[in-house]
Structures are given as structure tokens and as C-alpha cells.
Amino acid sequence: MDDLKKKIFLLIKQNYFALIVINEDSKILFNEDLIHDNPDKRSISLNDFLDDKIFKVEKDLNFYIKDIHLIIEDKNFINFNLSLIKDFKNNFDKTNDVLNEISNIKETILKTNSDFHLIHMMINRFIIDEKYYLELPNQKNKKNLFLEIKFIFLKIERLINLKKTLSKYQINIKKIFSYEYVKSFKVDDLKNISLVANELDNGLNKNEVNFVEKNSKSMGFFEKFFKFFG
């Protein structure tokens, strides 16, 4: 199989590591984990885990890991909510203006939180003509549209340490997911968390704002937004 069609996830929790490889059909090709802080055994570092598992993945599947997706449970995550007081329907004639406005909001938030890296940005609620919606409704004669936006950040220092660790293996961080965020979409307890993260990466949460285009079978937030104003 084409290496580019394999997706590698590294799950990092307080006392648990897991390395999972899935293919384009969401089939798990490799899945090994470790409880790394067992009181009956010596504590095992992330480096120890990666030294063993990365070599094993590359040997068993016959390919080199270049990019990795991280799913992290960490106290260094912070959540931040913002109500965007903008009358989009009356103030904007073009959808590009809406996109630019939301992009500007993101940049402003990043400037005022320079010690943090933005991991997730999503629309919690839409307020249209003083009515609340969890998803963007399909309706005509809309007068006013306001947004409630949620941001999830990770401390830059934590990100730098993770990059430093993975750079030893010449592995680039493709994307980071908050474990709690991913878990909130996990409806089946038996389903591997990496499969849920993969679905989110492919557009499962229609209200998540992504500024990088992806090949996704699902309609993304901005595509819905464009249809809304179309």
C-alpha cells in the first residue's frame, strides 16, 4: 500500500502510550500500547516507548514514519470561549469577507495568547434572529447571524518538547488532537480512539473551523457557510 495512505496516531495519556497505524479504509494495521507508570515496574519514558514501537512498525509494515498525528490528554490544554458579535448577513456581501473575518479573529486570539498553540477552533452555537442552533440551519430570510466560538489551546512549551522528542526519529507532527475533545465524539466504547480522531480529521465535526483544505467526503464548515450565504 502507498505509505501516504497510512495514517499514524500516537496517543499520550498520563500513564499510557499507544501507537496505532490505520489505512485509508480505517482498518487498524498496527496497535500496541503500554501503561508506562506502573508502580510495580520502572517508569518508562516516551522515548523508550518510541524506540521500541517505531522500529517495530517500520519493520512489520515495511515503511518509514514521516508524519504523525498526536492525541494528547494533558493538563496544559486550555479552553476559551468567545461570542462573536457580528451581523454577518447585513455587513458582508461576499463569503470571502466572512472567511477573512473569522481568520482575523483567530489571529487576534493567537496574538493575545502567544504562549499557547491553537489546536481546535469550532462554532459552539449559531444565533440567528435571536434563536439558538447547534448546527447551521438551512433556512431563508435570515436577518442576523452571531457566532459562539470555542478555542482549545496547548501550551507552546509542551508542543516544543513533543517536537524535540519526535525530531530524534525525524518525524513531523502532522496534527494534534485534544484527547477530551476526541473522546466527546466517541459513541462506541469499544471503538479505537484513533478511528474517531481520523473521522474528525476528515470532517466529522461540521462546526470545526479548518483553514487548511483537505480531501474530505464530508462537507466542511466553510462549505456549509458558503451555501448559507449563497
C-alpha atoms as a PDB file:
ATOM      1  CA  MET A   1       0.000   0.000   0.000  1.00  0.00           C
ATOM      2  CA  ASP A   2       1.035   3.573  -0.636  1.00  0.00           C
ATOM      3  CA  ASP A   3       2.747   4.886   2.504  1.00  0.00           C
ATOM      4  CA  LEU A   4       0.961   8.219   2.093  1.00  0.00           C
ATOM      5  CA  LYS A   5      -2.360   6.447   2.638  1.00  0.00           C
ATOM      6  CA  LYS A   6      -1.329   5.128   6.030  1.00  0.00           C
ATOM      7  CA  LYS A   7      -2.034   7.370   8.994  1.00  0.00           C
ATOM      8  CA  ILE A   8      -0.109   7.058  12.255  1.00  0.00           C
ATOM      9  CA  PHE A   9      -1.532   8.109  15.620  1.00  0.00           C
ATOM     10  CA  LEU A  10       0.384   8.436  18.877  1.00  0.00           C
ATOM     11  CA  LEU A  11      -1.820   8.516  21.975  1.00  0.00           C
ATOM     12  CA  ILE A  12      -0.213  10.144  25.008  1.00  0.00           C
ATOM     13  CA  LYS A  13      -2.038   9.969  28.330  1.00  0.00           C
ATOM     14  CA  GLN A  14      -0.970  10.429  31.935  1.00  0.00           C
ATOM     15  CA  ASN A  15       0.120   6.828  32.387  1.00  0.00           C
ATOM     16  CA  TYR A  16      -0.460   5.346  28.954  1.00  0.00           C
ATOM     17  CA  PHE A  17       1.085   5.365  25.465  1.00  0.00           C
ATOM     18  CA  ALA A  18      -0.290   3.805  22.277  1.00  0.00           C
ATOM     19  CA  LEU A  19       0.923   3.762  18.681  1.00  0.00           C
ATOM     20  CA  ILE A  20      -1.705   2.984  16.052  1.00  0.00           C
ATOM     21  CA  VAL A  21      -1.453   2.764  12.267  1.00  0.00           C
ATOM     22  CA  ILE A  22      -4.603   2.788  10.120  1.00  0.00           C
ATOM     23  CA  ASN A  23      -5.134   2.610   6.380  1.00  0.00           C
ATOM     24  CA  GLU A  24      -7.422   4.608   4.100  1.00  0.00           C
ATOM     25  CA  ASP A  25     -10.277   2.183   4.808  1.00  0.00           C
ATOM     26  CA  SER A  26      -9.976   2.838   8.565  1.00  0.00           C
ATOM     27  CA  LYS A  27      -8.570  -0.603   9.197  1.00  0.00           C
ATOM     28  CA  ILE A  28      -6.063  -0.846  12.045  1.00  0.00           C
ATOM     29  CA  LEU A  29      -2.777  -2.260  10.747  1.00  0.00           C
ATOM     30  CA  PHE A  30      -0.786  -1.866  13.964  1.00  0.00           C
ATOM     31  CA  ASN A  31      -1.841  -1.177  17.534  1.00  0.00           C
ATOM     32  CA  GLU A  32       0.458  -1.538  20.520  1.00  0.00           C
ATOM     33  CA  ASP A  33       0.198   0.232  23.857  1.00  0.00           C
ATOM     34  CA  LEU A  34       1.871   0.439  27.226  1.00  0.00           C
ATOM     35  CA  ILE A  35       0.998   1.523  30.746  1.00  0.00           C
ATOM     36  CA  HIS A  36       4.186   3.479  31.386  1.00  0.00           C
ATOM     37  CA  ASP A  37       3.823   4.410  35.051  1.00  0.00           C
ATOM     38  CA  ASN A  38       3.150   1.081  36.692  1.00  0.00           C
ATOM     39  CA  PRO A  39       4.106   1.210  40.416  1.00  0.00           C
ATOM     40  CA  ASP A  40       5.346  -2.396  40.176  1.00  0.00           C
ATOM     41  CA  LYS A  41       7.758  -1.598  37.348  1.00  0.00           C
ATOM     42  CA  ARG A  42      10.180   1.156  36.422  1.00  0.00           C
ATOM     43  CA  SER A  43       8.671   4.235  34.803  1.00  0.00           C
ATOM     44  CA  ILE A  44       9.077   4.170  31.017  1.00  0.00           C
ATOM     45  CA  SER A  45       9.583   7.413  29.096  1.00  0.00           C
ATOM     46  CA  LEU A  46       8.033   8.363  25.769  1.00  0.00           C
ATOM     47  CA  ASN A  47      11.482   7.945  24.221  1.00  0.00           C
ATOM     48  CA  ASP A  48      11.699   4.369  25.500  1.00  0.00           C
ATOM     49  CA  PHE A  49       8.287   3.598  24.048  1.00  0.00           C
ATOM     50  CA  LEU A  50       9.090   5.177  20.673  1.00  0.00           C
ATOM     51  CA  ASP A  51      12.494   3.491  20.445  1.00  0.00           C
ATOM     52  CA  ASP A  52      10.734   0.150  20.540  1.00  0.00           C
ATOM     53  CA  LYS A  53       7.474   0.776  18.678  1.00  0.00           C
ATOM     54  CA  ILE A  54       8.664   2.940  15.802  1.00  0.00           C
ATOM     55  CA  PHE A  55      11.304   0.374  14.890  1.00  0.00           C
ATOM     56  CA  LYS A  56       8.681  -2.364  15.113  1.00  0.00           C
ATOM     57  CA  VAL A  57       6.149  -0.511  12.944  1.00  0.00           C
ATOM     58  CA  GLU A  58       8.711   0.256  10.265  1.00  0.00           C
ATOM     59  CA  LYS A  59       9.923  -3.342  10.284  1.00  0.00           C
ATOM     60  CA  ASP A  60       6.498  -5.018  10.347  1.00  0.00           C
ATOM     61  CA  LEU A  61       4.843  -2.727   7.794  1.00  0.00           C
ATOM     62  CA  ASN A  62       7.958  -2.006   5.739  1.00  0.00           C
ATOM     63  CA  PHE A  63       7.710   1.782   5.591  1.00  0.00           C
ATOM     64  CA  TYR A  64       9.218   4.812   7.315  1.00  0.00           C
ATOM     65  CA  ILE A  65       7.145   7.045   9.556  1.00  0.00           C
ATOM     66  CA  LYS A  66       7.478  10.647   8.410  1.00  0.00           C
ATOM     67  CA  ASP A  67       4.353  12.264   9.860  1.00  0.00           C
ATOM     68  CA  ILE A  68       2.363  11.502  12.971  1.00  0.00           C
ATOM     69  CA  HIS A  69      -0.951  12.591  14.486  1.00  0.00           C
ATOM     70  CA  LEU A  70      -0.927  13.141  18.240  1.00  0.00           C
ATOM     71  CA  ILE A  71      -3.874  12.544  20.574  1.00  0.00           C
ATOM     72  CA  ILE A  72      -2.949  14.086  23.898  1.00  0.00           C
ATOM     73  CA  GLU A  73      -4.516  14.064  27.346  1.00  0.00           C
ATOM     74  CA  ASP A  74      -2.767  16.916  29.083  1.00  0.00           C
ATOM     75  CA  LYS A  75      -3.307  19.474  31.837  1.00  0.00           C
ATOM     76  CA  ASN A  76      -1.606  22.012  29.551  1.00  0.00           C
ATOM     77  CA  PHE A  77      -4.723  22.304  27.391  1.00  0.00           C
ATOM     78  CA  ILE A  78      -6.956  25.304  27.992  1.00  0.00           C
ATOM     79  CA  ASN A  79     -10.423  26.079  26.634  1.00  0.00           C
ATOM     80  CA  PHE A  80     -11.512  29.562  25.680  1.00  0.00           C
ATOM     81  CA  ASN A  81     -14.988  30.660  24.550  1.00  0.00           C
ATOM     82  CA  LEU A  82     -15.757  33.786  22.553  1.00  0.00           C
ATOM     83  CA  SER A  83     -19.024  35.299  21.385  1.00  0.00           C
ATOM     84  CA  LEU A  84     -18.570  36.961  18.011  1.00  0.00           C
ATOM     85  CA  ILE A  85     -20.859  39.975  17.867  1.00  0.00           C
ATOM     86  CA  LYS A  86     -21.115  40.466  14.138  1.00  0.00           C
ATOM     87  CA  ASP A  87     -24.147  40.907  11.948  1.00  0.00           C
ATOM     88  CA  PHE A  88     -22.793  38.859   9.060  1.00  0.00           C
ATOM     89  CA  LYS A  89     -25.935  38.960   6.969  1.00  0.00           C
ATOM     90  CA  ASN A  90     -26.160  42.733   6.911  1.00  0.00           C
ATOM     91  CA  ASN A  91     -22.461  43.667   6.918  1.00  0.00           C
ATOM     92  CA  PHE A  92     -20.996  41.170   4.431  1.00  0.00           C
ATOM     93  CA  ASP A  93     -21.904  40.726   0.807  1.00  0.00           C
ATOM     94  CA  LYS A  94     -19.259  38.122  -0.032  1.00  0.00           C
ATOM     95  CA  THR A  95     -18.468  34.824   1.674  1.00  0.00           C
ATOM     96  CA  ASN A  96     -14.750  35.657   1.455  1.00  0.00           C
ATOM     97  CA  ASP A  97     -15.436  38.529   3.841  1.00  0.00           C
ATOM     98  CA  VAL A  98     -16.883  36.062   6.345  1.00  0.00           C
ATOM     99  CA  LEU A  99     -13.857  33.800   5.968  1.00  0.00           C
ATOM    100  CA  ASN A 100     -11.494  36.748   6.409  1.00  0.00           C
ATOM    101  CA  GLU A 101     -13.348  37.955   9.484  1.00  0.00           C
ATOM    102  CA  ILE A 102     -13.137  34.563  11.205  1.00  0.00           C
ATOM    103  CA  SER A 103      -9.494  34.257  10.185  1.00  0.00           C
ATOM    104  CA  ASN A 104      -8.807  37.689  11.699  1.00  0.00           C
ATOM    105  CA  ILE A 105     -10.458  36.585  14.931  1.00  0.00           C
ATOM    106  CA  LYS A 106      -8.193  33.562  15.057  1.00  0.00           C
ATOM    107  CA  GLU A 107      -5.088  35.695  14.505  1.00  0.00           C
ATOM    108  CA  THR A 108      -6.155  38.169  17.203  1.00  0.00           C
ATOM    109  CA  ILE A 109      -6.721  35.360  19.691  1.00  0.00           C
ATOM    110  CA  LEU A 110      -3.302  33.901  18.872  1.00  0.00           C
ATOM    111  CA  LYS A 111      -1.571  37.249  19.382  1.00  0.00           C
ATOM    112  CA  THR A 112      -3.136  37.675  22.801  1.00  0.00           C
ATOM    113  CA  ASN A 113      -2.272  34.085  23.786  1.00  0.00           C
ATOM    114  CA  SER A 114       1.271  33.888  22.479  1.00  0.00           C
ATOM    115  CA  ASP A 115       2.298  31.198  24.969  1.00  0.00           C
ATOM    116  CA  PHE A 116      -0.262  28.802  23.513  1.00  0.00           C
ATOM    117  CA  HIS A 117      -0.747  26.954  20.230  1.00  0.00           C
ATOM    118  CA  LEU A 118      -4.253  26.720  18.734  1.00  0.00           C
ATOM    119  CA  ILE A 119      -5.325  23.067  18.467  1.00  0.00           C
ATOM    120  CA  HIS A 120      -9.068  23.249  17.766  1.00  0.00           C
ATOM    121  CA  MET A 121     -11.432  26.051  16.778  1.00  0.00           C
ATOM    122  CA  MET A 122     -15.126  25.331  16.462  1.00  0.00           C
ATOM    123  CA  ILE A 123     -18.522  27.011  16.416  1.00  0.00           C
ATOM    124  CA  ASN A 124     -20.411  26.019  19.577  1.00  0.00           C
ATOM    125  CA  ARG A 125     -23.674  27.739  18.700  1.00  0.00           C
ATOM    126  CA  PHE A 126     -25.244  29.810  15.946  1.00  0.00           C
ATOM    127  CA  ILE A 127     -27.593  32.609  16.954  1.00  0.00           C
ATOM    128  CA  ILE A 128     -29.940  33.546  14.137  1.00  0.00           C
ATOM    129  CA  ASP A 129     -32.710  36.061  14.678  1.00  0.00           C
ATOM    130  CA  GLU A 130     -32.323  35.520  18.451  1.00  0.00           C
ATOM    131  CA  LYS A 131     -32.763  31.734  18.137  1.00  0.00           C
ATOM    132  CA  TYR A 132     -30.006  29.266  19.132  1.00  0.00           C
ATOM    133  CA  TYR A 133     -28.816  26.390  16.938  1.00  0.00           C
ATOM    134  CA  LEU A 134     -26.095  23.785  17.434  1.00  0.00           C
ATOM    135  CA  GLU A 135     -25.645  23.465  13.665  1.00  0.00           C
ATOM    136  CA  LEU A 136     -26.039  25.958  10.858  1.00  0.00           C
ATOM    137  CA  PRO A 137     -29.696  25.612   9.784  1.00  0.00           C
ATOM    138  CA  ASN A 138     -30.986  25.663   6.246  1.00  0.00           C
ATOM    139  CA  GLN A 139     -33.461  28.493   6.254  1.00  0.00           C
ATOM    140  CA  LYS A 140     -34.295  31.535   4.198  1.00  0.00           C
ATOM    141  CA  ASN A 141     -34.899  35.169   5.130  1.00  0.00           C
ATOM    142  CA  LYS A 142     -32.147  35.239   7.728  1.00  0.00           C
ATOM    143  CA  LYS A 143     -31.683  38.661   9.299  1.00  0.00           C
ATOM    144  CA  ASN A 144     -28.919  38.389  11.888  1.00  0.00           C
ATOM    145  CA  LEU A 145     -26.237  35.785  12.471  1.00  0.00           C
ATOM    146  CA  PHE A 146     -23.954  35.677  15.507  1.00  0.00           C
ATOM    147  CA  LEU A 147     -21.441  33.018  16.460  1.00  0.00           C
ATOM    148  CA  GLU A 148     -20.202  31.497  19.717  1.00  0.00           C
ATOM    149  CA  ILE A 149     -16.712  30.182  19.091  1.00  0.00           C
ATOM    150  CA  LYS A 150     -14.697  27.752  21.213  1.00  0.00           C
ATOM    151  CA  PHE A 151     -10.896  27.547  21.122  1.00  0.00           C
ATOM    152  CA  ILE A 152      -8.725  24.758  22.545  1.00  0.00           C
ATOM    153  CA  PHE A 153      -5.062  25.662  23.103  1.00  0.00           C
ATOM    154  CA  LEU A 154      -1.956  23.741  24.107  1.00  0.00           C
ATOM    155  CA  LYS A 155       0.983  25.383  25.846  1.00  0.00           C
ATOM    156  CA  ILE A 156       3.790  26.181  23.399  1.00  0.00           C
ATOM    157  CA  GLU A 157       6.354  24.742  25.804  1.00  0.00           C
ATOM    158  CA  ARG A 158       4.611  21.359  25.712  1.00  0.00           C
ATOM    159  CA  LEU A 159       4.482  21.450  21.918  1.00  0.00           C
ATOM    160  CA  ILE A 160       8.185  22.305  21.680  1.00  0.00           C
ATOM    161  CA  ASN A 161       9.079  19.354  23.907  1.00  0.00           C
ATOM    162  CA  LEU A 162       6.987  16.985  21.795  1.00  0.00           C
ATOM    163  CA  LYS A 163       8.571  18.250  18.581  1.00  0.00           C
ATOM    164  CA  LYS A 164      12.006  17.836  20.109  1.00  0.00           C
ATOM    165  CA  THR A 165      11.248  14.255  21.127  1.00  0.00           C
ATOM    166  CA  LEU A 166       9.887  13.281  17.700  1.00  0.00           C
ATOM    167  CA  SER A 167      12.671  15.065  15.822  1.00  0.00           C
ATOM    168  CA  LYS A 168      15.055  12.399  17.134  1.00  0.00           C
ATOM    169  CA  TYR A 169      13.198   9.989  14.878  1.00  0.00           C
ATOM    170  CA  GLN A 170      12.889  12.518  12.022  1.00  0.00           C
ATOM    171  CA  ILE A 171       9.125  12.524  12.485  1.00  0.00           C
ATOM    172  CA  ASN A 172       6.994  15.605  11.878  1.00  0.00           C
ATOM    173  CA  ILE A 173       3.831  16.368  13.857  1.00  0.00           C
ATOM    174  CA  LYS A 174       1.050  16.441  11.277  1.00  0.00           C
ATOM    175  CA  LYS A 175      -1.775  17.366  13.652  1.00  0.00           C
ATOM    176  CA  ILE A 176      -2.583  17.446  17.351  1.00  0.00           C
ATOM    177  CA  PHE A 177      -5.906  16.440  18.881  1.00  0.00           C
ATOM    178  CA  SER A 178      -7.113  17.043  22.409  1.00  0.00           C
ATOM    179  CA  TYR A 179      -7.978  13.631  23.866  1.00  0.00           C
ATOM    180  CA  GLU A 180     -11.001  15.038  25.719  1.00  0.00           C
ATOM    181  CA  TYR A 181     -12.250  16.662  22.509  1.00  0.00           C
ATOM    182  CA  VAL A 182     -11.911  13.419  20.533  1.00  0.00           C
ATOM    183  CA  LYS A 183     -13.480  11.386  23.343  1.00  0.00           C
ATOM    184  CA  SER A 184     -16.564  13.621  23.255  1.00  0.00           C
ATOM    185  CA  PHE A 185     -17.316  12.180  19.784  1.00  0.00           C
ATOM    186  CA  LYS A 186     -16.710   8.555  20.833  1.00  0.00           C
ATOM    187  CA  VAL A 187     -20.153   6.940  20.923  1.00  0.00           C
ATOM    188  CA  ASP A 188     -18.874   3.350  21.000  1.00  0.00           C
ATOM    189  CA  ASP A 189     -16.681   2.474  23.991  1.00  0.00           C
ATOM    190  CA  LEU A 190     -15.045  -0.337  22.010  1.00  0.00           C
ATOM    191  CA  LYS A 191     -14.048   1.884  19.101  1.00  0.00           C
ATOM    192  CA  ASN A 192     -10.373   2.786  18.964  1.00  0.00           C
ATOM    193  CA  ILE A 193      -9.811   6.464  19.749  1.00  0.00           C
ATOM    194  CA  SER A 194      -7.598   6.846  16.671  1.00  0.00           C
ATOM    195  CA  LEU A 195     -10.524   5.956  14.393  1.00  0.00           C
ATOM    196  CA  VAL A 196     -12.590   8.736  15.969  1.00  0.00           C
ATOM    197  CA  ALA A 197      -9.690  11.188  15.560  1.00  0.00           C
ATOM    198  CA  ASN A 198      -9.398  10.131  11.923  1.00  0.00           C
ATOM    199  CA  GLU A 199     -13.100  10.828  11.391  1.00  0.00           C
ATOM    200  CA  LEU A 200     -12.650  14.274  12.938  1.00  0.00           C
ATOM    201  CA  ASP A 201      -9.660  14.843  10.675  1.00  0.00           C
ATOM    202  CA  ASN A 202     -11.935  14.033   7.745  1.00  0.00           C
ATOM    203  CA  GLY A 203     -14.697  16.425   8.773  1.00  0.00           C
ATOM    204  CA  LEU A 204     -16.839  14.594  11.345  1.00  0.00           C
ATOM    205  CA  ASN A 205     -17.453  17.813  13.306  1.00  0.00           C
ATOM    206  CA  LYS A 206     -19.091  20.064  10.731  1.00  0.00           C
ATOM    207  CA  ASN A 207     -18.662  23.038  13.053  1.00  0.00           C
ATOM    208  CA  GLU A 208     -14.892  22.764  13.426  1.00  0.00           C
ATOM    209  CA  VAL A 209     -13.054  25.526  11.591  1.00  0.00           C
ATOM    210  CA  ASN A 210     -10.135  24.357   9.482  1.00  0.00           C
ATOM    211  CA  PHE A 211      -8.142  26.827   7.420  1.00  0.00           C
ATOM    212  CA  VAL A 212      -6.256  24.129   5.523  1.00  0.00           C
ATOM    213  CA  GLU A 213      -8.041  22.431   2.662  1.00  0.00           C
ATOM    214  CA  LYS A 214      -8.415  18.675   2.936  1.00  0.00           C
ATOM    215  CA  ASN A 215      -9.713  15.877   0.794  1.00  0.00           C
ATOM    216  CA  SER A 216     -12.812  15.022   2.740  1.00  0.00           C
ATOM    217  CA  LYS A 217     -16.015  13.206   1.854  1.00  0.00           C
ATOM    218  CA  SER A 218     -17.864  15.349   4.398  1.00  0.00           C
ATOM    219  CA  MET A 219     -18.941  18.922   3.851  1.00  0.00           C
ATOM    220  CA  GLY A 220     -16.643  21.177   5.833  1.00  0.00           C
ATOM    221  CA  PHE A 221     -17.660  24.169   7.907  1.00  0.00           C
ATOM    222  CA  PHE A 222     -16.806  26.811   5.326  1.00  0.00           C
ATOM    223  CA  GLU A 223     -18.509  24.922   2.515  1.00  0.00           C
ATOM    224  CA  LYS A 224     -21.662  24.952   4.621  1.00  0.00           C
ATOM    225  CA  PHE A 225     -21.062  28.587   5.419  1.00  0.00           C
ATOM    226  CA  PHE A 226     -20.764  29.450   1.709  1.00  0.00           C
ATOM    227  CA  LYS A 227     -24.014  27.631   0.956  1.00  0.00           C
ATOM    228  CA  PHE A 228     -25.640  29.526   3.803  1.00  0.00           C
ATOM    229  CA  PHE A 229     -24.838  32.854   2.185  1.00  0.00           C
ATOM    230  CA  GLY A 230     -25.273  31.637  -1.372  1.00  0.00           C
END
